[in-house]
Amino acid sequence: MRFVQYRDGCDRGLGIQLNCGKSIVSLNGTDPTIPVDMVSFLHSEYSIDRIEKIVKEKKKVLQLNQVELLPCITKPDKVICVGLNYKGHCDEQNKPYPKEPFFFSKFPSTIIGPNDAVKHSSKSKALDWEVEMAVVIGNICKNVSVDDAYKYVFGYTIAQDISARDWQKTRNNGQWLIAKSMDTFCPLGSVLVHKNEIPDPHSLQIKCSINGVMKQSGSTEELIHRVDKLVSFLSNLITLLPGDIILTGTPSGVGVFREPKEFLKIGDVIKSEISCIGKMENPVIADE
């Protein structure tokens, strides 16, 4: 199943995408007791079996052109990112493959929708792109083994880890938080694909283009530390909550390691795509 959050006029809702994304079964329109946002739904007791039954009934179906698709997760407790987790991304900067996962964070307030604008801060001269597969946690997750880790994964979506490289490399005393957490720096896909539809998250094609020119093209097969290891490793240090997002890293092709370096400009359009998950397209505008 492919979960979406949407806005229909003044109302928000939770739905399931159908017909190659052309329509949505409104879960709230069928059962008003279902939460209208994904994080609350993940904290609730509703089962996948119950949702499948609602989808089969199709009591309230909305056409895609009737609604605005929102990011599939809003206001999670945590957005955790993994650095240096694709072999090609390590190779392009001549770094060894990390023996342990390398984590940093973004503020949840950075999340924007799949078609929303990335604001180019005047305080940065080096905005960069990083397409990533994101994992969404479905249950409270603490001290979990690698073998049990997938039991705590709800599903997958697509994300961009927009990065101010000047702040990452030379400002804020080497700490990455500001570089990764300026407003709008986490575009997130509209669709949260349940894990049952993606039995192996390590066989997906992942791409990013700028103004129609391909910049990143790789496969999640390149992941150094895989989803089950990431979830287990984190859960033995931090309690993961339903709705928490883990950005799993980016393939090679980011702007800062190109020759010459390339950075985002006002007017650019970032297109991100992961097979079996979906696409998003985010314009870059001035931060006024």
C-alpha atoms as a PDB file:
ATOM      1  CA  MET A   1       0.000   0.000   0.000  1.00  0.00           C
ATOM      2  CA  ARG A   2       1.024   3.554  -0.751  1.00  0.00           C
ATOM      3  CA  PHE A   3       0.047   5.994   2.009  1.00  0.00           C
ATOM      4  CA  VAL A   4      -0.355   9.717   1.335  1.00  0.00           C
ATOM      5  CA  GLN A   5      -1.236  12.818   3.312  1.00  0.00           C
ATOM      6  CA  TYR A   6      -3.345  15.285   1.367  1.00  0.00           C
ATOM      7  CA  ARG A   7      -5.243  18.538   1.637  1.00  0.00           C
ATOM      8  CA  ASP A   8      -8.751  18.750   0.188  1.00  0.00           C
ATOM      9  CA  GLY A   9      -9.759  22.392   0.408  1.00  0.00           C
ATOM     10  CA  CYS A  10      -9.466  23.292   4.084  1.00  0.00           C
ATOM     11  CA  ASP A  11      -9.410  19.669   5.230  1.00  0.00           C
ATOM     12  CA  ARG A  12      -6.423  17.381   5.673  1.00  0.00           C
ATOM     13  CA  GLY A  13      -6.619  13.652   5.284  1.00  0.00           C
ATOM     14  CA  LEU A  14      -4.840  10.347   5.089  1.00  0.00           C
ATOM     15  CA  GLY A  15      -5.299   8.123   2.080  1.00  0.00           C
ATOM     16  CA  ILE A  16      -4.089   5.231  -0.038  1.00  0.00           C
ATOM     17  CA  GLN A  17      -2.897   5.906  -3.569  1.00  0.00           C
ATOM     18  CA  LEU A  18      -4.493   3.828  -6.351  1.00  0.00           C
ATOM     19  CA  ASN A  19      -4.465   3.533 -10.147  1.00  0.00           C
ATOM     20  CA  CYS A  20      -0.809   4.453 -10.631  1.00  0.00           C
ATOM     21  CA  GLY A  21      -1.308   7.515  -8.466  1.00  0.00           C
ATOM     22  CA  LYS A  22      -4.370   8.865 -10.295  1.00  0.00           C
ATOM     23  CA  SER A  23      -6.757   8.489  -7.360  1.00  0.00           C
ATOM     24  CA  ILE A  24      -6.794   8.201  -3.570  1.00  0.00           C
ATOM     25  CA  VAL A  25      -9.010   6.226  -1.212  1.00  0.00           C
ATOM     26  CA  SER A  26      -9.749   8.566   1.683  1.00  0.00           C
ATOM     27  CA  LEU A  27      -9.274   6.634   4.914  1.00  0.00           C
ATOM     28  CA  ASN A  28     -10.866   9.388   6.991  1.00  0.00           C
ATOM     29  CA  GLY A  29     -13.755   9.690   4.562  1.00  0.00           C
ATOM     30  CA  THR A  30     -14.537   6.039   5.211  1.00  0.00           C
ATOM     31  CA  ASP A  31     -13.740   5.920   8.924  1.00  0.00           C
ATOM     32  CA  PRO A  32     -13.638   9.331  10.674  1.00  0.00           C
ATOM     33  CA  THR A  33     -11.882   7.800  13.696  1.00  0.00           C
ATOM     34  CA  ILE A  34      -8.703   7.244  11.679  1.00  0.00           C
ATOM     35  CA  PRO A  35      -6.123   9.982  12.378  1.00  0.00           C
ATOM     36  CA  VAL A  36      -5.676  12.560   9.625  1.00  0.00           C
ATOM     37  CA  ASP A  37      -1.869  12.545   9.790  1.00  0.00           C
ATOM     38  CA  MET A  38       0.621   9.738   9.331  1.00  0.00           C
ATOM     39  CA  VAL A  39       2.526  10.111  12.602  1.00  0.00           C
ATOM     40  CA  SER A  40      -0.686   9.897  14.646  1.00  0.00           C
ATOM     41  CA  PHE A  41      -1.779   6.922  12.553  1.00  0.00           C
ATOM     42  CA  LEU A  42       1.492   5.124  13.277  1.00  0.00           C
ATOM     43  CA  HIS A  43       0.968   5.747  17.000  1.00  0.00           C
ATOM     44  CA  SER A  44      -2.569   4.324  16.780  1.00  0.00           C
ATOM     45  CA  GLU A  45      -3.836   0.742  16.916  1.00  0.00           C
ATOM     46  CA  TYR A  46      -5.144   0.533  13.348  1.00  0.00           C
ATOM     47  CA  SER A  47      -3.932  -2.595  11.593  1.00  0.00           C
ATOM     48  CA  ILE A  48      -2.865  -3.000   7.994  1.00  0.00           C
ATOM     49  CA  ASP A  49      -5.654  -5.589   7.609  1.00  0.00           C
ATOM     50  CA  ARG A  50      -8.228  -2.940   8.553  1.00  0.00           C
ATOM     51  CA  ILE A  51      -6.754  -0.474   6.066  1.00  0.00           C
ATOM     52  CA  GLU A  52      -6.782  -3.100   3.304  1.00  0.00           C
ATOM     53  CA  LYS A  53     -10.483  -3.673   3.971  1.00  0.00           C
ATOM     54  CA  ILE A  54     -11.207   0.066   3.678  1.00  0.00           C
ATOM     55  CA  VAL A  55      -9.306   0.222   0.402  1.00  0.00           C
ATOM     56  CA  LYS A  56     -11.317  -2.668  -1.028  1.00  0.00           C
ATOM     57  CA  GLU A  57     -14.577  -0.954  -0.059  1.00  0.00           C
ATOM     58  CA  LYS A  58     -13.591   2.264  -1.900  1.00  0.00           C
ATOM     59  CA  LYS A  59     -16.362   4.218  -0.185  1.00  0.00           C
ATOM     60  CA  LYS A  60     -14.703   7.583  -0.771  1.00  0.00           C
ATOM     61  CA  VAL A  61     -12.335   7.973  -3.705  1.00  0.00           C
ATOM     62  CA  LEU A  62     -10.733  11.298  -4.606  1.00  0.00           C
ATOM     63  CA  GLN A  63      -9.089  12.099  -7.920  1.00  0.00           C
ATOM     64  CA  LEU A  64      -5.541  13.358  -7.731  1.00  0.00           C
ATOM     65  CA  ASN A  65      -6.493  16.661  -9.374  1.00  0.00           C
ATOM     66  CA  GLN A  66      -8.960  17.294  -6.520  1.00  0.00           C
ATOM     67  CA  VAL A  67      -6.318  17.387  -3.793  1.00  0.00           C
ATOM     68  CA  GLU A  68      -2.907  18.755  -2.876  1.00  0.00           C
ATOM     69  CA  LEU A  69      -0.389  16.079  -1.953  1.00  0.00           C
ATOM     70  CA  LEU A  70       1.595  16.864   1.195  1.00  0.00           C
ATOM     71  CA  PRO A  71       4.830  15.308   2.451  1.00  0.00           C
ATOM     72  CA  CYS A  72       3.986  11.771   3.562  1.00  0.00           C
ATOM     73  CA  ILE A  73       5.287  12.500   7.078  1.00  0.00           C
ATOM     74  CA  THR A  74       4.969  15.785   8.951  1.00  0.00           C
ATOM     75  CA  LYS A  75       6.196  16.662  12.442  1.00  0.00           C
ATOM     76  CA  PRO A  76       8.104  13.463  13.226  1.00  0.00           C
ATOM     77  CA  ASP A  77       9.994  13.307  16.483  1.00  0.00           C
ATOM     78  CA  LYS A  78      13.314  12.795  14.685  1.00  0.00           C
ATOM     79  CA  VAL A  79      14.936  13.136  11.267  1.00  0.00           C
ATOM     80  CA  ILE A  80      18.172  11.150  11.375  1.00  0.00           C
ATOM     81  CA  CYS A  81      20.611  11.127   8.464  1.00  0.00           C
ATOM     82  CA  VAL A  82      23.422   8.779   7.516  1.00  0.00           C
ATOM     83  CA  GLY A  83      26.596  10.173   5.981  1.00  0.00           C
ATOM     84  CA  LEU A  84      29.106   8.381   3.760  1.00  0.00           C
ATOM     85  CA  ASN A  85      26.826   5.388   3.250  1.00  0.00           C
ATOM     86  CA  TYR A  86      27.168   4.827  -0.515  1.00  0.00           C
ATOM     87  CA  LYS A  87      30.362   3.386  -1.907  1.00  0.00           C
ATOM     88  CA  GLY A  88      30.368   5.820  -4.826  1.00  0.00           C
ATOM     89  CA  HIS A  89      29.887   8.821  -2.552  1.00  0.00           C
ATOM     90  CA  CYS A  90      32.896   7.741  -0.474  1.00  0.00           C
ATOM     91  CA  ASP A  91      34.928   7.108  -3.625  1.00  0.00           C
ATOM     92  CA  GLU A  92      34.204  10.548  -5.112  1.00  0.00           C
ATOM     93  CA  GLN A  93      35.776  12.217  -2.063  1.00  0.00           C
ATOM     94  CA  ASN A  94      38.536   9.647  -1.557  1.00  0.00           C
ATOM     95  CA  LYS A  95      37.261   8.568   1.837  1.00  0.00           C
ATOM     96  CA  PRO A  96      37.396   5.019   3.228  1.00  0.00           C
ATOM     97  CA  TYR A  97      34.141   3.164   3.759  1.00  0.00           C
ATOM     98  CA  PRO A  98      33.063   3.750   7.388  1.00  0.00           C
ATOM     99  CA  LYS A  99      33.243   0.698   9.632  1.00  0.00           C
ATOM    100  CA  GLU A 100      30.324   2.041  11.654  1.00  0.00           C
ATOM    101  CA  PRO A 101      27.391   4.167  10.481  1.00  0.00           C
ATOM    102  CA  PHE A 102      27.975   7.918  10.664  1.00  0.00           C
ATOM    103  CA  PHE A 103      24.890   9.854  11.819  1.00  0.00           C
ATOM    104  CA  PHE A 104      23.792  13.471  11.928  1.00  0.00           C
ATOM    105  CA  SER A 105      20.391  15.138  12.134  1.00  0.00           C
ATOM    106  CA  LYS A 106      18.067  17.648  10.537  1.00  0.00           C
ATOM    107  CA  PHE A 107      15.351  19.557  12.347  1.00  0.00           C
ATOM    108  CA  PRO A 108      11.888  18.114  11.540  1.00  0.00           C
ATOM    109  CA  SER A 109      10.801  21.666  10.642  1.00  0.00           C
ATOM    110  CA  THR A 110      12.935  21.412   7.472  1.00  0.00           C
ATOM    111  CA  ILE A 111      10.408  19.029   5.877  1.00  0.00           C
ATOM    112  CA  ILE A 112       8.547  20.325   2.825  1.00  0.00           C
ATOM    113  CA  GLY A 113       6.372  18.635   0.221  1.00  0.00           C
ATOM    114  CA  PRO A 114       7.232  16.882  -3.031  1.00  0.00           C
ATOM    115  CA  ASN A 115       6.514  19.956  -5.145  1.00  0.00           C
ATOM    116  CA  ASP A 116       7.323  22.713  -2.659  1.00  0.00           C
ATOM    117  CA  ALA A 117      10.102  25.224  -3.230  1.00  0.00           C
ATOM    118  CA  VAL A 118      13.543  24.963  -1.682  1.00  0.00           C
ATOM    119  CA  LYS A 119      14.490  28.397  -0.368  1.00  0.00           C
ATOM    120  CA  HIS A 120      18.008  29.475  -1.287  1.00  0.00           C
ATOM    121  CA  SER A 121      19.306  31.292   1.760  1.00  0.00           C
ATOM    122  CA  SER A 122      21.294  34.431   1.029  1.00  0.00           C
ATOM    123  CA  LYS A 123      23.580  33.297   3.857  1.00  0.00           C
ATOM    124  CA  SER A 124      24.932  30.425   1.738  1.00  0.00           C
ATOM    125  CA  LYS A 125      26.795  30.448  -1.563  1.00  0.00           C
ATOM    126  CA  ALA A 126      27.043  26.662  -1.867  1.00  0.00           C
ATOM    127  CA  LEU A 127      23.668  24.882  -1.813  1.00  0.00           C
ATOM    128  CA  ASP A 128      23.904  21.243  -2.865  1.00  0.00           C
ATOM    129  CA  TRP A 129      21.600  18.317  -3.644  1.00  0.00           C
ATOM    130  CA  GLU A 130      21.537  14.795  -2.157  1.00  0.00           C
ATOM    131  CA  VAL A 131      18.788  12.374  -3.186  1.00  0.00           C
ATOM    132  CA  GLU A 132      18.145   9.722  -0.533  1.00  0.00           C
ATOM    133  CA  MET A 133      15.937   6.762   0.293  1.00  0.00           C
ATOM    134  CA  ALA A 134      14.218   7.382   3.619  1.00  0.00           C
ATOM    135  CA  VAL A 135      13.086   4.732   6.091  1.00  0.00           C
ATOM    136  CA  VAL A 136      10.059   5.415   8.304  1.00  0.00           C
ATOM    137  CA  ILE A 137       9.776   3.674  11.673  1.00  0.00           C
ATOM    138  CA  GLY A 138       6.437   2.033  12.479  1.00  0.00           C
ATOM    139  CA  ASN A 139       6.764   0.956  16.121  1.00  0.00           C
ATOM    140  CA  ILE A 140       8.636   1.997  19.246  1.00  0.00           C
ATOM    141  CA  CYS A 141      12.092   0.599  18.637  1.00  0.00           C
ATOM    142  CA  LYS A 142      14.679   0.087  21.390  1.00  0.00           C
ATOM    143  CA  ASN A 143      17.579  -2.387  21.661  1.00  0.00           C
ATOM    144  CA  VAL A 144      16.526  -4.257  18.529  1.00  0.00           C
ATOM    145  CA  SER A 145      18.701  -6.890  16.865  1.00  0.00           C
ATOM    146  CA  VAL A 146      19.608  -6.796  13.179  1.00  0.00           C
ATOM    147  CA  ASP A 147      17.478  -9.908  12.638  1.00  0.00           C
ATOM    148  CA  ASP A 148      14.399  -8.199  14.103  1.00  0.00           C
ATOM    149  CA  ALA A 149      14.958  -4.719  12.661  1.00  0.00           C
ATOM    150  CA  TYR A 150      12.516  -4.946   9.734  1.00  0.00           C
ATOM    151  CA  LYS A 151       9.665  -5.643  12.165  1.00  0.00           C
ATOM    152  CA  TYR A 152      10.013  -1.996  13.227  1.00  0.00           C
ATOM    153  CA  VAL A 153      10.166  -0.512   9.728  1.00  0.00           C
ATOM    154  CA  PHE A 154       6.839   0.725   8.365  1.00  0.00           C
ATOM    155  CA  GLY A 155       7.940   1.742   4.902  1.00  0.00           C
ATOM    156  CA  TYR A 156      10.028   3.864   2.561  1.00  0.00           C
ATOM    157  CA  THR A 157       9.889   7.216   0.824  1.00  0.00           C
ATOM    158  CA  ILE A 158      12.153   9.594  -1.102  1.00  0.00           C
ATOM    159  CA  ALA A 159      13.953  12.604   0.344  1.00  0.00           C
ATOM    160  CA  GLN A 160      16.446  15.333  -0.483  1.00  0.00           C
ATOM    161  CA  ASP A 161      19.122  16.238   2.033  1.00  0.00           C
ATOM    162  CA  ILE A 162      19.690  19.821   0.857  1.00  0.00           C
ATOM    163  CA  SER A 163      23.031  21.001   2.240  1.00  0.00           C
ATOM    164  CA  ALA A 164      24.758  24.366   2.603  1.00  0.00           C
ATOM    165  CA  ARG A 165      28.306  23.179   1.914  1.00  0.00           C
ATOM    166  CA  ASP A 166      29.997  26.390   3.038  1.00  0.00           C
ATOM    167  CA  TRP A 167      28.332  26.073   6.448  1.00  0.00           C
ATOM    168  CA  GLN A 168      29.098  22.354   6.512  1.00  0.00           C
ATOM    169  CA  LYS A 169      32.780  22.738   5.643  1.00  0.00           C
ATOM    170  CA  THR A 170      33.927  26.074   7.073  1.00  0.00           C
ATOM    171  CA  ARG A 171      31.266  27.530   9.386  1.00  0.00           C
ATOM    172  CA  ASN A 172      29.649  26.677  12.734  1.00  0.00           C
ATOM    173  CA  ASN A 173      32.874  25.175  14.094  1.00  0.00           C
ATOM    174  CA  GLY A 174      32.536  22.065  11.954  1.00  0.00           C
ATOM    175  CA  GLN A 175      29.090  21.099  13.263  1.00  0.00           C
ATOM    176  CA  TRP A 176      26.654  20.154  10.476  1.00  0.00           C
ATOM    177  CA  LEU A 177      23.304  21.036  12.057  1.00  0.00           C
ATOM    178  CA  ILE A 178      22.937  24.526  10.556  1.00  0.00           C
ATOM    179  CA  ALA A 179      24.227  23.370   7.157  1.00  0.00           C
ATOM    180  CA  LYS A 180      21.561  20.674   7.045  1.00  0.00           C
ATOM    181  CA  SER A 181      18.681  22.400   8.836  1.00  0.00           C
ATOM    182  CA  MET A 182      17.994  25.709   7.154  1.00  0.00           C
ATOM    183  CA  ASP A 183      14.342  26.214   6.230  1.00  0.00           C
ATOM    184  CA  THR A 184      13.021  23.851   3.499  1.00  0.00           C
ATOM    185  CA  PHE A 185      16.165  21.688   3.486  1.00  0.00           C
ATOM    186  CA  CYS A 186      14.284  18.356   3.578  1.00  0.00           C
ATOM    187  CA  PRO A 187      11.915  17.855   0.641  1.00  0.00           C
ATOM    188  CA  LEU A 188      10.009  14.618   1.286  1.00  0.00           C
ATOM    189  CA  GLY A 189       8.006  12.463  -1.096  1.00  0.00           C
ATOM    190  CA  SER A 190       4.230  12.345  -1.137  1.00  0.00           C
ATOM    191  CA  VAL A 191       4.077   8.555  -0.926  1.00  0.00           C
ATOM    192  CA  LEU A 192       5.062   6.319   1.987  1.00  0.00           C
ATOM    193  CA  VAL A 193       5.310   2.837   0.487  1.00  0.00           C
ATOM    194  CA  HIS A 194       4.558   0.056   2.955  1.00  0.00           C
ATOM    195  CA  LYS A 195       7.434  -2.393   3.385  1.00  0.00           C
ATOM    196  CA  ASN A 196       5.314  -5.267   2.038  1.00  0.00           C
ATOM    197  CA  GLU A 197       5.577  -3.690  -1.418  1.00  0.00           C
ATOM    198  CA  ILE A 198       9.376  -3.425  -1.233  1.00  0.00           C
ATOM    199  CA  PRO A 199      10.699  -6.726   0.133  1.00  0.00           C
ATOM    200  CA  ASP A 200      14.289  -5.707  -0.674  1.00  0.00           C
ATOM    201  CA  PRO A 201      15.049  -1.983  -0.259  1.00  0.00           C
ATOM    202  CA  HIS A 202      18.587  -2.625  -1.519  1.00  0.00           C
ATOM    203  CA  SER A 203      17.671  -3.122  -5.177  1.00  0.00           C
ATOM    204  CA  LEU A 204      16.183   0.266  -6.099  1.00  0.00           C
ATOM    205  CA  GLN A 205      17.399   2.742  -8.702  1.00  0.00           C
ATOM    206  CA  ILE A 206      17.951   6.234  -7.280  1.00  0.00           C
ATOM    207  CA  LYS A 207      18.384   9.367  -9.394  1.00  0.00           C
ATOM    208  CA  CYS A 208      18.595  13.154  -9.201  1.00  0.00           C
ATOM    209  CA  SER A 209      18.625  15.665 -12.044  1.00  0.00           C
ATOM    210  CA  ILE A 210      18.991  19.441 -12.054  1.00  0.00           C
ATOM    211  CA  ASN A 211      17.167  21.288 -14.833  1.00  0.00           C
ATOM    212  CA  GLY A 212      16.802  17.998 -16.691  1.00  0.00           C
ATOM    213  CA  VAL A 213      20.513  17.117 -16.518  1.00  0.00           C
ATOM    214  CA  MET A 214      21.259  13.877 -14.657  1.00  0.00           C
ATOM    215  CA  LYS A 215      23.582  14.468 -11.703  1.00  0.00           C
ATOM    216  CA  GLN A 216      23.130  11.339  -9.591  1.00  0.00           C
ATOM    217  CA  SER A 217      22.304   7.851 -10.820  1.00  0.00           C
ATOM    218  CA  GLY A 218      22.909   4.869  -8.591  1.00  0.00           C
ATOM    219  CA  SER A 219      21.364   1.954  -6.764  1.00  0.00           C
ATOM    220  CA  THR A 220      20.540   1.319  -3.132  1.00  0.00           C
ATOM    221  CA  GLU A 221      22.575  -1.852  -3.652  1.00  0.00           C
ATOM    222  CA  GLU A 222      25.577   0.424  -2.960  1.00  0.00           C
ATOM    223  CA  LEU A 223      24.568   1.006   0.654  1.00  0.00           C
ATOM    224  CA  ILE A 224      27.497   0.269   2.952  1.00  0.00           C
ATOM    225  CA  HIS A 225      25.369  -0.091   6.087  1.00  0.00           C
ATOM    226  CA  ARG A 226      22.004  -1.551   5.183  1.00  0.00           C
ATOM    227  CA  VAL A 227      18.581  -0.701   6.533  1.00  0.00           C
ATOM    228  CA  ASP A 228      18.428  -3.469   9.134  1.00  0.00           C
ATOM    229  CA  LYS A 229      21.862  -2.576  10.499  1.00  0.00           C
ATOM    230  CA  LEU A 230      21.025   1.149  10.647  1.00  0.00           C
ATOM    231  CA  VAL A 231      17.785   0.560  12.543  1.00  0.00           C
ATOM    232  CA  SER A 232      19.413  -1.878  14.957  1.00  0.00           C
ATOM    233  CA  PHE A 233      22.480   0.304  15.532  1.00  0.00           C
ATOM    234  CA  LEU A 234      20.391   3.402  16.255  1.00  0.00           C
ATOM    235  CA  SER A 235      17.881   1.576  18.447  1.00  0.00           C
ATOM    236  CA  ASN A 236      20.658   0.424  20.751  1.00  0.00           C
ATOM    237  CA  LEU A 237      21.568   4.073  21.373  1.00  0.00           C
ATOM    238  CA  ILE A 238      18.344   6.059  20.877  1.00  0.00           C
ATOM    239  CA  THR A 239      14.704   5.046  21.223  1.00  0.00           C
ATOM    240  CA  LEU A 240      13.124   5.309  17.780  1.00  0.00           C
ATOM    241  CA  LEU A 241       9.465   6.334  17.693  1.00  0.00           C
ATOM    242  CA  PRO A 242       6.697   5.752  15.156  1.00  0.00           C
ATOM    243  CA  GLY A 243       7.112   8.259  12.333  1.00  0.00           C
ATOM    244  CA  ASP A 244      10.830   8.813  12.866  1.00  0.00           C
ATOM    245  CA  ILE A 245      12.651   9.182   9.548  1.00  0.00           C
ATOM    246  CA  ILE A 246      16.088   7.821   8.673  1.00  0.00           C
ATOM    247  CA  LEU A 247      17.693   9.232   5.517  1.00  0.00           C
ATOM    248  CA  THR A 248      20.007   6.428   4.442  1.00  0.00           C
ATOM    249  CA  GLY A 249      22.650   8.324   2.453  1.00  0.00           C
ATOM    250  CA  THR A 250      23.248   9.562  -1.084  1.00  0.00           C
ATOM    251  CA  PRO A 251      25.018   8.131  -4.144  1.00  0.00           C
ATOM    252  CA  SER A 252      27.843   9.851  -5.996  1.00  0.00           C
ATOM    253  CA  GLY A 253      27.259  12.943  -8.102  1.00  0.00           C
ATOM    254  CA  VAL A 254      26.718  15.720  -5.572  1.00  0.00           C
ATOM    255  CA  GLY A 255      27.810  19.186  -6.650  1.00  0.00           C
ATOM    256  CA  VAL A 256      30.590  19.835  -4.170  1.00  0.00           C
ATOM    257  CA  PHE A 257      32.766  16.989  -5.504  1.00  0.00           C
ATOM    258  CA  ARG A 258      32.348  17.807  -9.186  1.00  0.00           C
ATOM    259  CA  GLU A 259      35.071  19.474 -11.246  1.00  0.00           C
ATOM    260  CA  PRO A 260      34.389  22.327 -11.306  1.00  0.00           C
ATOM    261  CA  LYS A 261      32.088  22.447  -8.287  1.00  0.00           C
ATOM    262  CA  GLU A 262      28.383  22.954  -9.030  1.00  0.00           C
ATOM    263  CA  PHE A 263      25.820  24.460  -6.691  1.00  0.00           C
ATOM    264  CA  LEU A 264      22.111  25.191  -6.837  1.00  0.00           C
ATOM    265  CA  LYS A 265      20.947  28.557  -8.148  1.00  0.00           C
ATOM    266  CA  ILE A 266      17.670  30.403  -7.872  1.00  0.00           C
ATOM    267  CA  GLY A 267      15.473  29.151 -10.709  1.00  0.00           C
ATOM    268  CA  ASP A 268      16.877  25.615 -10.736  1.00  0.00           C
ATOM    269  CA  VAL A 269      14.552  22.610 -10.563  1.00  0.00           C
ATOM    270  CA  ILE A 270      15.567  19.518  -8.570  1.00  0.00           C
ATOM    271  CA  LYS A 271      13.989  16.267  -9.756  1.00  0.00           C
ATOM    272  CA  SER A 272      14.414  13.231  -7.506  1.00  0.00           C
ATOM    273  CA  GLU A 273      13.335   9.668  -8.255  1.00  0.00           C
ATOM    274  CA  ILE A 274      13.535   6.208  -6.681  1.00  0.00           C
ATOM    275  CA  SER A 275      12.126   3.165  -8.471  1.00  0.00           C
ATOM    276  CA  CYS A 276       9.071   1.582  -6.793  1.00  0.00           C
ATOM    277  CA  ILE A 277       8.723   4.649  -4.547  1.00  0.00           C
ATOM    278  CA  GLY A 278       8.153   7.702  -6.708  1.00  0.00           C
ATOM    279  CA  LYS A 279       9.313  11.116  -7.832  1.00  0.00           C
ATOM    280  CA  MET A 280       9.352  14.691  -6.611  1.00  0.00           C
ATOM    281  CA  GLU A 281      10.210  17.984  -8.252  1.00  0.00           C
ATOM    282  CA  ASN A 282      11.284  21.008  -6.223  1.00  0.00           C
ATOM    283  CA  PRO A 283      12.072  24.455  -7.638  1.00  0.00           C
ATOM    284  CA  VAL A 284      14.711  26.636  -5.997  1.00  0.00           C
ATOM    285  CA  ILE A 285      13.588  30.159  -5.069  1.00  0.00           C
ATOM    286  CA  ALA A 286      15.038  33.106  -3.188  1.00  0.00           C
ATOM    287  CA  ASP A 287      14.525  33.125   0.573  1.00  0.00           C
ATOM    288  CA  GLU A 288      12.846  36.481   1.029  1.00  0.00           C
END
